C-alpha atoms as a PDB file:
ATOM      1  CA  UNK A   1     144.482 214.029 260.562  1.00  0.00           C
ATOM      2  CA  UNK A   2     141.659 215.457 258.458  1.00  0.00           C
ATOM      3  CA  UNK A   3     138.842 217.346 260.140  1.00  0.00           C
ATOM      4  CA  UNK A   4     135.568 215.407 259.949  1.00  0.00           C
ATOM      5  CA  UNK A   5     132.455 217.152 258.643  1.00  0.00           C
ATOM      6  CA  UNK A   6     129.365 217.200 260.883  1.00  0.00           C
ATOM      7  CA  UNK A   7     126.256 215.891 259.117  1.00  0.00           C
ATOM      8  CA  UNK A   8     122.913 214.570 260.274  1.00  0.00           C
ATOM      9  CA  UNK A   9     119.608 213.070 259.220  1.00  0.00           C
ATOM     10  CA  UNK A  10     117.776 215.225 256.673  1.00  0.00           C
ATOM     11  CA  UNK A  11     120.805 217.368 255.773  1.00  0.00           C
ATOM     12  CA  UNK A  12     121.430 218.425 252.175  1.00  0.00           C
ATOM     13  CA  UNK A  13     125.021 217.452 251.351  1.00  0.00           C
ATOM     14  CA  UNK A  14     127.301 217.990 248.363  1.00  0.00           C
ATOM     15  CA  UNK A  15     129.324 215.049 247.076  1.00  0.00           C
ATOM     16  CA  UNK A  16     132.652 215.364 245.236  1.00  0.00           C
ATOM     17  CA  UNK A  17     131.439 213.872 241.946  1.00  0.00           C
ATOM     18  CA  UNK A  18     128.081 214.672 240.320  1.00  0.00           C
ATOM     19  CA  UNK A  19     125.346 212.089 239.823  1.00  0.00           C
ATOM     20  CA  UNK A  20     124.529 210.946 236.267  1.00  0.00           C
ATOM     21  CA  UNK A  21     121.590 213.395 236.194  1.00  0.00           C
ATOM     22  CA  UNK A  22     124.017 216.310 236.625  1.00  0.00           C
ATOM     23  CA  UNK A  23     123.591 217.359 240.257  1.00  0.00           C
ATOM     24  CA  UNK A  24     125.815 216.595 243.242  1.00  0.00           C
ATOM     25  CA  UNK A  25     123.338 217.555 246.002  1.00  0.00           C
ATOM     26  CA  UNK A  26     121.923 214.682 248.083  1.00  0.00           C
ATOM     27  CA  UNK A  27     119.599 214.364 251.103  1.00  0.00           C
ATOM     28  CA  UNK A  28     120.674 212.075 253.978  1.00  0.00           C
ATOM     29  CA  UNK A  29     117.818 209.637 254.750  1.00  0.00           C
ATOM     30  CA  UNK A  30     119.401 207.041 257.048  1.00  0.00           C
ATOM     31  CA  UNK A  31     122.395 207.018 259.381  1.00  0.00           C
ATOM     32  CA  UNK A  32     124.128 203.953 260.757  1.00  0.00           C
ATOM     33  CA  UNK A  33     126.912 201.668 259.570  1.00  0.00           C
ATOM     34  CA  UNK A  34     125.480 202.336 256.090  1.00  0.00           C
ATOM     35  CA  UNK A  35     124.201 205.731 254.997  1.00  0.00           C
ATOM     36  CA  UNK A  36     121.247 206.093 252.620  1.00  0.00           C
ATOM     37  CA  UNK A  37     121.137 209.224 250.466  1.00  0.00           C
ATOM     38  CA  UNK A  38     118.641 210.438 247.851  1.00  0.00           C
ATOM     39  CA  UNK A  39     119.496 212.592 244.845  1.00  0.00           C
ATOM     40  CA  UNK A  40     117.804 215.991 245.144  1.00  0.00           C
ATOM     41  CA  UNK A  41     117.186 216.165 241.384  1.00  0.00           C
ATOM     42  CA  UNK A  42     116.003 212.723 240.218  1.00  0.00           C
ATOM     43  CA  UNK A  43     115.137 211.086 243.603  1.00  0.00           C
ATOM     44  CA  UNK A  44     117.431 208.102 243.014  1.00  0.00           C
ATOM     45  CA  UNK A  45     118.343 206.438 246.333  1.00  0.00           C
ATOM     46  CA  UNK A  46     121.687 204.767 247.059  1.00  0.00           C
ATOM     47  CA  UNK A  47     123.368 203.306 250.134  1.00  0.00           C
ATOM     48  CA  UNK A  48     127.051 203.795 250.940  1.00  0.00           C
ATOM     49  CA  UNK A  49     129.172 202.539 253.770  1.00  0.00           C
ATOM     50  CA  UNK A  50     130.005 205.251 256.293  1.00  0.00           C
ATOM     51  CA  UNK A  51     133.664 205.112 255.210  1.00  0.00           C
ATOM     52  CA  UNK A  52     132.823 205.633 251.507  1.00  0.00           C
ATOM     53  CA  UNK A  53     130.269 208.351 252.304  1.00  0.00           C
ATOM     54  CA  UNK A  54     132.757 210.354 254.386  1.00  0.00           C
ATOM     55  CA  UNK A  55     135.435 209.909 251.704  1.00  0.00           C
ATOM     56  CA  UNK A  56     133.103 211.236 248.973  1.00  0.00           C
ATOM     57  CA  UNK A  57     131.458 214.016 251.025  1.00  0.00           C
ATOM     58  CA  UNK A  58     132.521 217.546 250.080  1.00  0.00           C
ATOM     59  CA  UNK A  59     130.398 219.756 252.360  1.00  0.00           C
ATOM     60  CA  UNK A  60     127.013 220.224 254.001  1.00  0.00           C
ATOM     61  CA  UNK A  61     124.898 222.646 251.967  1.00  0.00           C
ATOM     62  CA  UNK A  62     121.925 222.965 254.342  1.00  0.00           C
ATOM     63  CA  UNK A  63     121.270 221.555 257.804  1.00  0.00           C
ATOM     64  CA  UNK A  64     117.934 219.872 258.499  1.00  0.00           C
ATOM     65  CA  UNK A  65     115.339 221.864 260.406  1.00  0.00           C
ATOM     66  CA  UNK A  66     115.496 221.137 264.135  1.00  0.00           C
ATOM     67  CA  UNK A  67     112.257 220.966 266.140  1.00  0.00           C
END
């Protein structure tokens, strides 16, 4: 079984394929059954199912700041 990657709200994540603007870094905005992410370059927002998000996720680049 594959090891799952820990991610959270506000994290900067890298996806396997780049966005049309050329970057593959995204910010996680919403967690739930669906996950909303925003492109860090062009600010385009998309929603993916949790299954598709975890399948396309490569790694976490930067964790969100904890208060």
